[in-house]
Structures are given as C-alpha cells and as structure tokens.
Amino acid sequence: MADLSVDISKLPDEIRDKLAELDLELSEGDITQKGYEKKRTRLLTPYIPQQQPQGKFHFLTVTLKRNIAANTDA
C-alpha cells in the first residue's frame, strides 16, 4: 500500500465515514485489496500534504519559470 501520510482524525466526518465503510467492505470480502487501496488513495489524495521539490530539479524549474516570466513581461 502507498504511504499516505494523513492524520485521519483531522479529516472531514464525511471522508472518515467513507473510509470506515471501505474498511468494512474489505473485511467482509466485498472488495479486493487492490480495489480497497485504489478507493482509499482516491479518498485521501486531496488531503495529502504537497512536498516542495528540492535539489537541481527545483533550481531548474524556478530558473525556467523566471526566464519565461521575464520574456513574457517584455
């Protein structure tokens, strides 16, 4: 399963209810593990903190954005 670092207690009640239903479906055999993981990921993705890019890629991205901005302002 993917590491979805989300504090479940801080999620909206509606999402926590859907996660509880999903857990029940899995425990009762109504869905497969793969289906469970896909649905869980879909529910939690909007609440996963976004990581800031780092390293050379981040530097190149920032430089490229600055160059584009400089060229479009002229």
PDB file of N, CA and C in Angstrom:
ATOM      1  N   MET A   1       0.843  -1.177   0.000  1.00  0.00           N
ATOM      2  CA  MET A   1       0.000   0.000   0.000  1.00  0.00           C
ATOM      3  C   MET A   1       0.884   1.234   0.000  1.00  0.00           C
ATOM      4  N   ALA A   2       0.464   2.261  -0.722  1.00  0.00           N
ATOM      5  CA  ALA A   2       1.207   3.511  -0.770  1.00  0.00           C
ATOM      6  C   ALA A   2       1.171   4.186   0.589  1.00  0.00           C
ATOM      7  N   ASP A   3       2.243   4.913   0.894  1.00  0.00           N
ATOM      8  CA  ASP A   3       2.304   5.637   2.153  1.00  0.00           C
ATOM      9  C   ASP A   3       1.523   6.932   2.003  1.00  0.00           C
ATOM     10  N   LEU A   4       0.340   6.977   2.574  1.00  0.00           N
ATOM     11  CA  LEU A   4      -0.478   8.177   2.518  1.00  0.00           C
ATOM     12  C   LEU A   4      -0.462   8.793   3.911  1.00  0.00           C
ATOM     13  N   SER A   5       0.483   9.692   4.134  1.00  0.00           N
ATOM     14  CA  SER A   5       0.673  10.297   5.446  1.00  0.00           C
ATOM     15  C   SER A   5      -0.382  11.363   5.690  1.00  0.00           C
ATOM     16  N   VAL A   6      -1.496  10.919   6.227  1.00  0.00           N
ATOM     17  CA  VAL A   6      -2.609  11.812   6.500  1.00  0.00           C
ATOM     18  C   VAL A   6      -3.086  11.535   7.922  1.00  0.00           C
ATOM     19  N   ASP A   7      -3.324  12.597   8.685  1.00  0.00           N
ATOM     20  CA  ASP A   7      -3.878  12.448  10.031  1.00  0.00           C
ATOM     21  C   ASP A   7      -5.383  12.252   9.881  1.00  0.00           C
ATOM     22  N   ILE A   8      -5.810  11.006  10.021  1.00  0.00           N
ATOM     23  CA  ILE A   8      -7.213  10.644   9.801  1.00  0.00           C
ATOM     24  C   ILE A   8      -8.142  11.454  10.712  1.00  0.00           C
ATOM     25  N   SER A   9      -7.696  11.756  11.926  1.00  0.00           N
ATOM     26  CA  SER A   9      -8.550  12.477  12.877  1.00  0.00           C
ATOM     27  C   SER A   9      -8.853  13.905  12.418  1.00  0.00           C
ATOM     28  N   LYS A  10      -8.052  14.438  11.499  1.00  0.00           N
ATOM     29  CA  LYS A  10      -8.269  15.808  11.015  1.00  0.00           C
ATOM     30  C   LYS A  10      -9.094  15.858   9.728  1.00  0.00           C
ATOM     31  N   LEU A  11      -9.486  14.699   9.226  1.00  0.00           N
ATOM     32  CA  LEU A  11     -10.286  14.649   8.001  1.00  0.00           C
ATOM     33  C   LEU A  11     -11.737  15.012   8.297  1.00  0.00           C
ATOM     34  N   PRO A  12     -12.463  15.503   7.296  1.00  0.00           N
ATOM     35  CA  PRO A  12     -13.901  15.762   7.479  1.00  0.00           C
ATOM     36  C   PRO A  12     -14.635  14.468   7.835  1.00  0.00           C
ATOM     37  N   ASP A  13     -15.725  14.615   8.593  1.00  0.00           N
ATOM     38  CA  ASP A  13     -16.510  13.453   9.021  1.00  0.00           C
ATOM     39  C   ASP A  13     -16.945  12.597   7.837  1.00  0.00           C
ATOM     40  N   GLU A  14     -17.328  13.233   6.751  1.00  0.00           N
ATOM     41  CA  GLU A  14     -17.794  12.507   5.567  1.00  0.00           C
ATOM     42  C   GLU A  14     -16.713  11.562   5.038  1.00  0.00           C
ATOM     43  N   ILE A  15     -15.480  12.029   4.995  1.00  0.00           N
ATOM     44  CA  ILE A  15     -14.366  11.212   4.491  1.00  0.00           C
ATOM     45  C   ILE A  15     -14.063  10.091   5.479  1.00  0.00           C
ATOM     46  N   ARG A  16     -14.084  10.400   6.769  1.00  0.00           N
ATOM     47  CA  ARG A  16     -13.843   9.341   7.765  1.00  0.00           C
ATOM     48  C   ARG A  16     -14.920   8.269   7.694  1.00  0.00           C
ATOM     49  N   ASP A  17     -16.163   8.677   7.458  1.00  0.00           N
ATOM     50  CA  ASP A  17     -17.251   7.699   7.308  1.00  0.00           C
ATOM     51  C   ASP A  17     -17.027   6.814   6.083  1.00  0.00           C
ATOM     52  N   LYS A  18     -16.621   7.429   4.979  1.00  0.00           N
ATOM     53  CA  LYS A  18     -16.363   6.654   3.757  1.00  0.00           C
ATOM     54  C   LYS A  18     -15.198   5.680   3.961  1.00  0.00           C
ATOM     55  N   LEU A  19     -14.172   6.108   4.703  1.00  0.00           N
ATOM     56  CA  LEU A  19     -13.044   5.214   4.992  1.00  0.00           C
ATOM     57  C   LEU A  19     -13.489   4.043   5.862  1.00  0.00           C
ATOM     58  N   ALA A  20     -14.365   4.317   6.824  1.00  0.00           N
ATOM     59  CA  ALA A  20     -14.880   3.248   7.687  1.00  0.00           C
ATOM     60  C   ALA A  20     -15.693   2.246   6.863  1.00  0.00           C
ATOM     61  N   GLU A  21     -16.524   2.749   5.941  1.00  0.00           N
ATOM     62  CA  GLU A  21     -17.297   1.870   5.059  1.00  0.00           C
ATOM     63  C   GLU A  21     -16.367   1.029   4.193  1.00  0.00           C
ATOM     64  N   LEU A  22     -15.314   1.657   3.725  1.00  0.00           N
ATOM     65  CA  LEU A  22     -14.346   0.963   2.880  1.00  0.00           C
ATOM     66  C   LEU A  22     -13.652  -0.154   3.655  1.00  0.00           C
ATOM     67  N   ASP A  23     -13.273   0.131   4.900  1.00  0.00           N
ATOM     68  CA  ASP A  23     -12.655  -0.895   5.743  1.00  0.00           C
ATOM     69  C   ASP A  23     -13.603  -2.075   5.955  1.00  0.00           C
ATOM     70  N   LEU A  24     -14.880  -1.755   6.160  1.00  0.00           N
ATOM     71  CA  LEU A  24     -15.880  -2.800   6.349  1.00  0.00           C
ATOM     72  C   LEU A  24     -16.028  -3.649   5.083  1.00  0.00           C
ATOM     73  N   GLU A  25     -16.080  -2.996   3.924  1.00  0.00           N
ATOM     74  CA  GLU A  25     -16.188  -3.729   2.656  1.00  0.00           C
ATOM     75  C   GLU A  25     -15.015  -4.693   2.479  1.00  0.00           C
ATOM     76  N   LEU A  26     -13.820  -4.227   2.830  1.00  0.00           N
ATOM     77  CA  LEU A  26     -12.644  -5.083   2.696  1.00  0.00           C
ATOM     78  C   LEU A  26     -12.722  -6.261   3.674  1.00  0.00           C
ATOM     79  N   SER A  27     -13.084  -5.973   4.916  1.00  0.00           N
ATOM     80  CA  SER A  27     -13.130  -7.044   5.926  1.00  0.00           C
ATOM     81  C   SER A  27     -14.203  -8.081   5.617  1.00  0.00           C
ATOM     82  N   GLU A  28     -15.263  -7.666   4.943  1.00  0.00           N
ATOM     83  CA  GLU A  28     -16.335  -8.600   4.586  1.00  0.00           C
ATOM     84  C   GLU A  28     -16.094  -9.282   3.247  1.00  0.00           C
ATOM     85  N   GLY A  29     -15.011  -8.892   2.575  1.00  0.00           N
ATOM     86  CA  GLY A  29     -14.679  -9.524   1.307  1.00  0.00           C
ATOM     87  C   GLY A  29     -15.452  -8.985   0.121  1.00  0.00           C
ATOM     88  N   ASP A  30     -16.085  -7.831   0.301  1.00  0.00           N
ATOM     89  CA  ASP A  30     -16.862  -7.244  -0.788  1.00  0.00           C
ATOM     90  C   ASP A  30     -15.977  -6.627  -1.866  1.00  0.00           C
ATOM     91  N   ILE A  31     -14.747  -6.227  -1.504  1.00  0.00           N
ATOM     92  CA  ILE A  31     -13.797  -5.675  -2.472  1.00  0.00           C
ATOM     93  C   ILE A  31     -12.441  -6.333  -2.251  1.00  0.00           C
ATOM     94  N   THR A  32     -11.621  -6.282  -3.280  1.00  0.00           N
ATOM     95  CA  THR A  32     -10.276  -6.849  -3.176  1.00  0.00           C
ATOM     96  C   THR A  32      -9.345  -5.840  -2.501  1.00  0.00           C
ATOM     97  N   GLN A  33      -8.178  -6.304  -2.120  1.00  0.00           N
ATOM     98  CA  GLN A  33      -7.168  -5.424  -1.527  1.00  0.00           C
ATOM     99  C   GLN A  33      -6.797  -4.314  -2.513  1.00  0.00           C
ATOM    100  N   LYS A  34      -6.654  -4.689  -3.776  1.00  0.00           N
ATOM    101  CA  LYS A  34      -6.302  -3.704  -4.798  1.00  0.00           C
ATOM    102  C   LYS A  34      -7.398  -2.643  -4.925  1.00  0.00           C
ATOM    103  N   GLY A  35      -8.648  -3.071  -4.948  1.00  0.00           N
ATOM    104  CA  GLY A  35      -9.763  -2.133  -5.022  1.00  0.00           C
ATOM    105  C   GLY A  35      -9.819  -1.230  -3.808  1.00  0.00           C
ATOM    106  N   TYR A  36      -9.550  -1.818  -2.647  1.00  0.00           N
ATOM    107  CA  TYR A  36      -9.512  -1.050  -1.404  1.00  0.00           C
ATOM    108  C   TYR A  36      -8.460   0.046  -1.479  1.00  0.00           C
ATOM    109  N   GLU A  37      -7.265  -0.325  -1.910  1.00  0.00           N
ATOM    110  CA  GLU A  37      -6.172   0.639  -1.979  1.00  0.00           C
ATOM    111  C   GLU A  37      -6.454   1.748  -2.982  1.00  0.00           C
ATOM    112  N   LYS A  38      -7.054   1.402  -4.112  1.00  0.00           N
ATOM    113  CA  LYS A  38      -7.390   2.417  -5.115  1.00  0.00           C
ATOM    114  C   LYS A  38      -8.416   3.410  -4.571  1.00  0.00           C
ATOM    115  N   LYS A  39      -9.468   2.882  -3.943  1.00  0.00           N
ATOM    116  CA  LYS A  39     -10.510   3.758  -3.403  1.00  0.00           C
ATOM    117  C   LYS A  39      -9.986   4.600  -2.246  1.00  0.00           C
ATOM    118  N   ARG A  40      -9.175   3.994  -1.403  1.00  0.00           N
ATOM    119  CA  ARG A  40      -8.604   4.719  -0.256  1.00  0.00           C
ATOM    120  C   ARG A  40      -7.690   5.845  -0.746  1.00  0.00           C
ATOM    121  N   THR A  41      -6.877   5.539  -1.750  1.00  0.00           N
ATOM    122  CA  THR A  41      -5.988   6.555  -2.315  1.00  0.00           C
ATOM    123  C   THR A  41      -6.797   7.702  -2.901  1.00  0.00           C
ATOM    124  N   ARG A  42      -7.869   7.377  -3.617  1.00  0.00           N
ATOM    125  CA  ARG A  42      -8.718   8.398  -4.219  1.00  0.00           C
ATOM    126  C   ARG A  42      -9.348   9.294  -3.147  1.00  0.00           C
ATOM    127  N   LEU A  43      -9.748   8.694  -2.023  1.00  0.00           N
ATOM    128  CA  LEU A  43     -10.352   9.481  -0.948  1.00  0.00           C
ATOM    129  C   LEU A  43      -9.335  10.387  -0.247  1.00  0.00           C
ATOM    130  N   LEU A  44      -8.116   9.876  -0.061  1.00  0.00           N
ATOM    131  CA  LEU A  44      -7.130  10.607   0.731  1.00  0.00           C
ATOM    132  C   LEU A  44      -6.257  11.580  -0.058  1.00  0.00           C
ATOM    133  N   THR A  45      -6.146  11.387  -1.355  1.00  0.00           N
ATOM    134  CA  THR A  45      -5.246  12.212  -2.161  1.00  0.00           C
ATOM    135  C   THR A  45      -5.445  13.719  -1.962  1.00  0.00           C
ATOM    136  N   PRO A  46      -6.672  14.218  -1.900  1.00  0.00           N
ATOM    137  CA  PRO A  46      -6.825  15.673  -1.715  1.00  0.00           C
ATOM    138  C   PRO A  46      -6.300  16.185  -0.371  1.00  0.00           C
ATOM    139  N   TYR A  47      -6.052  15.291   0.578  1.00  0.00           N
ATOM    140  CA  TYR A  47      -5.644  15.698   1.919  1.00  0.00           C
ATOM    141  C   TYR A  47      -4.170  15.416   2.211  1.00  0.00           C
ATOM    142  N   ILE A  48      -3.432  14.915   1.219  1.00  0.00           N
ATOM    143  CA  ILE A  48      -2.009  14.632   1.406  1.00  0.00           C
ATOM    144  C   ILE A  48      -1.233  15.925   1.248  1.00  0.00           C
ATOM    145  N   PRO A  49      -0.398  16.266   2.234  1.00  0.00           N
ATOM    146  CA  PRO A  49       0.399  17.492   2.112  1.00  0.00           C
ATOM    147  C   PRO A  49       1.328  17.405   0.911  1.00  0.00           C
ATOM    148  N   GLN A  50       1.392  18.490   0.145  1.00  0.00           N
ATOM    149  CA  GLN A  50       2.256  18.530  -1.029  1.00  0.00           C
ATOM    150  C   GLN A  50       3.686  18.834  -0.599  1.00  0.00           C
ATOM    151  N   GLN A  51       4.628  18.079  -1.131  1.00  0.00           N
ATOM    152  CA  GLN A  51       6.037  18.303  -0.836  1.00  0.00           C
ATOM    153  C   GLN A  51       6.605  19.285  -1.843  1.00  0.00           C
ATOM    154  N   GLN A  52       7.483  20.143  -1.367  1.00  0.00           N
ATOM    155  CA  GLN A  52       8.148  21.093  -2.246  1.00  0.00           C
ATOM    156  C   GLN A  52       9.310  20.396  -2.942  1.00  0.00           C
ATOM    157  N   PRO A  53       9.467  20.601  -4.250  1.00  0.00           N
ATOM    158  CA  PRO A  53      10.598  19.995  -4.951  1.00  0.00           C
ATOM    159  C   PRO A  53      11.912  20.574  -4.417  1.00  0.00           C
ATOM    160  N   GLN A  54      12.945  19.739  -4.432  1.00  0.00           N
ATOM    161  CA  GLN A  54      14.237  20.166  -3.916  1.00  0.00           C
ATOM    162  C   GLN A  54      15.329  19.768  -4.888  1.00  0.00           C
ATOM    163  N   GLY A  55      16.503  20.314  -4.669  1.00  0.00           N
ATOM    164  CA  GLY A  55      17.670  19.916  -5.440  1.00  0.00           C
ATOM    165  C   GLY A  55      17.744  20.590  -6.796  1.00  0.00           C
ATOM    166  N   LYS A  56      18.489  19.964  -7.698  1.00  0.00           N
ATOM    167  CA  LYS A  56      18.742  20.540  -9.021  1.00  0.00           C
ATOM    168  C   LYS A  56      17.455  20.738  -9.805  1.00  0.00           C
ATOM    169  N   PHE A  57      16.544  19.798  -9.714  1.00  0.00           N
ATOM    170  CA  PHE A  57      15.297  19.910 -10.466  1.00  0.00           C
ATOM    171  C   PHE A  57      14.537  21.161 -10.038  1.00  0.00           C
ATOM    172  N   HIS A  58      14.471  21.397  -8.730  1.00  0.00           N
ATOM    173  CA  HIS A  58      13.778  22.578  -8.216  1.00  0.00           C
ATOM    174  C   HIS A  58      14.453  23.852  -8.730  1.00  0.00           C
ATOM    175  N   PHE A  59      15.768  23.892  -8.686  1.00  0.00           N
ATOM    176  CA  PHE A  59      16.518  25.053  -9.169  1.00  0.00           C
ATOM    177  C   PHE A  59      16.220  25.319 -10.644  1.00  0.00           C
ATOM    178  N   LEU A  60      16.224  24.255 -11.444  1.00  0.00           N
ATOM    179  CA  LEU A  60      15.954  24.404 -12.876  1.00  0.00           C
ATOM    180  C   LEU A  60      14.526  24.866 -13.123  1.00  0.00           C
ATOM    181  N   THR A  61      13.592  24.351 -12.358  1.00  0.00           N
ATOM    182  CA  THR A  61      12.196  24.740 -12.508  1.00  0.00           C
ATOM    183  C   THR A  61      12.012  26.221 -12.188  1.00  0.00           C
ATOM    184  N   VAL A  62      12.597  26.665 -11.082  1.00  0.00           N
ATOM    185  CA  VAL A  62      12.482  28.067 -10.689  1.00  0.00           C
ATOM    186  C   VAL A  62      13.143  28.960 -11.730  1.00  0.00           C
ATOM    187  N   THR A  63      14.326  28.573 -12.200  1.00  0.00           N
ATOM    188  CA  THR A  63      15.035  29.363 -13.206  1.00  0.00           C
ATOM    189  C   THR A  63      14.225  29.455 -14.490  1.00  0.00           C
ATOM    190  N   LEU A  64      13.661  28.343 -14.925  1.00  0.00           N
ATOM    191  CA  LEU A  64      12.858  28.325 -16.135  1.00  0.00           C
ATOM    192  C   LEU A  64      11.632  29.223 -15.992  1.00  0.00           C
ATOM    193  N   LYS A  65      10.963  29.151 -14.855  1.00  0.00           N
ATOM    194  CA  LYS A  65       9.790  29.994 -14.630  1.00  0.00           C
ATOM    195  C   LYS A  65      10.171  31.475 -14.654  1.00  0.00           C
ATOM    196  N   ARG A  66      11.313  31.810 -14.059  1.00  0.00           N
ATOM    197  CA  ARG A  66      11.759  33.205 -14.063  1.00  0.00           C
ATOM    198  C   ARG A  66      12.063  33.667 -15.480  1.00  0.00           C
ATOM    199  N   ASN A  67      12.713  32.821 -16.258  1.00  0.00           N
ATOM    200  CA  ASN A  67      13.032  33.182 -17.642  1.00  0.00           C
ATOM    201  C   ASN A  67      11.769  33.368 -18.470  1.00  0.00           C
ATOM    202  N   ILE A  68      10.820  32.508 -18.290  1.00  0.00           N
ATOM    203  CA  ILE A  68       9.555  32.625 -19.017  1.00  0.00           C
ATOM    204  C   ILE A  68       8.849  33.921 -18.616  1.00  0.00           C
ATOM    205  N   ALA A  69       8.813  34.193 -17.332  1.00  0.00           N
ATOM    206  CA  ALA A  69       8.165  35.419 -16.855  1.00  0.00           C
ATOM    207  C   ALA A  69       8.858  36.653 -17.402  1.00  0.00           C
ATOM    208  N   ALA A  70      10.190  36.638 -17.430  1.00  0.00           N
ATOM    209  CA  ALA A  70      10.946  37.779 -17.941  1.00  0.00           C
ATOM    210  C   ALA A  70      10.674  37.986 -19.419  1.00  0.00           C
ATOM    211  N   ASN A  71      10.535  36.916 -20.159  1.00  0.00           N
ATOM    212  CA  ASN A  71      10.294  37.028 -21.600  1.00  0.00           C
ATOM    213  C   ASN A  71       8.871  37.428 -21.937  1.00  0.00           C
ATOM    214  N   THR A  72       7.932  37.087 -21.080  1.00  0.00           N
ATOM    215  CA  THR A  72       6.543  37.447 -21.368  1.00  0.00           C
ATOM    216  C   THR A  72       6.220  38.852 -20.902  1.00  0.00           C
ATOM    217  N   ASP A  73       6.998  39.385 -19.967  1.00  0.00           N
ATOM    218  CA  ASP A  73       6.775  40.748 -19.487  1.00  0.00           C
ATOM    219  C   ASP A  73       7.281  41.789 -20.476  1.00  0.00           C
ATOM    220  N   ALA A  74       8.196  41.399 -21.345  1.00  0.00           N
ATOM    221  CA  ALA A  74       8.812  42.369 -22.260  1.00  0.00           C
ATOM    222  C   ALA A  74       7.896  42.776 -23.377  1.00  0.00           C
TER     223      ALA A  74
END
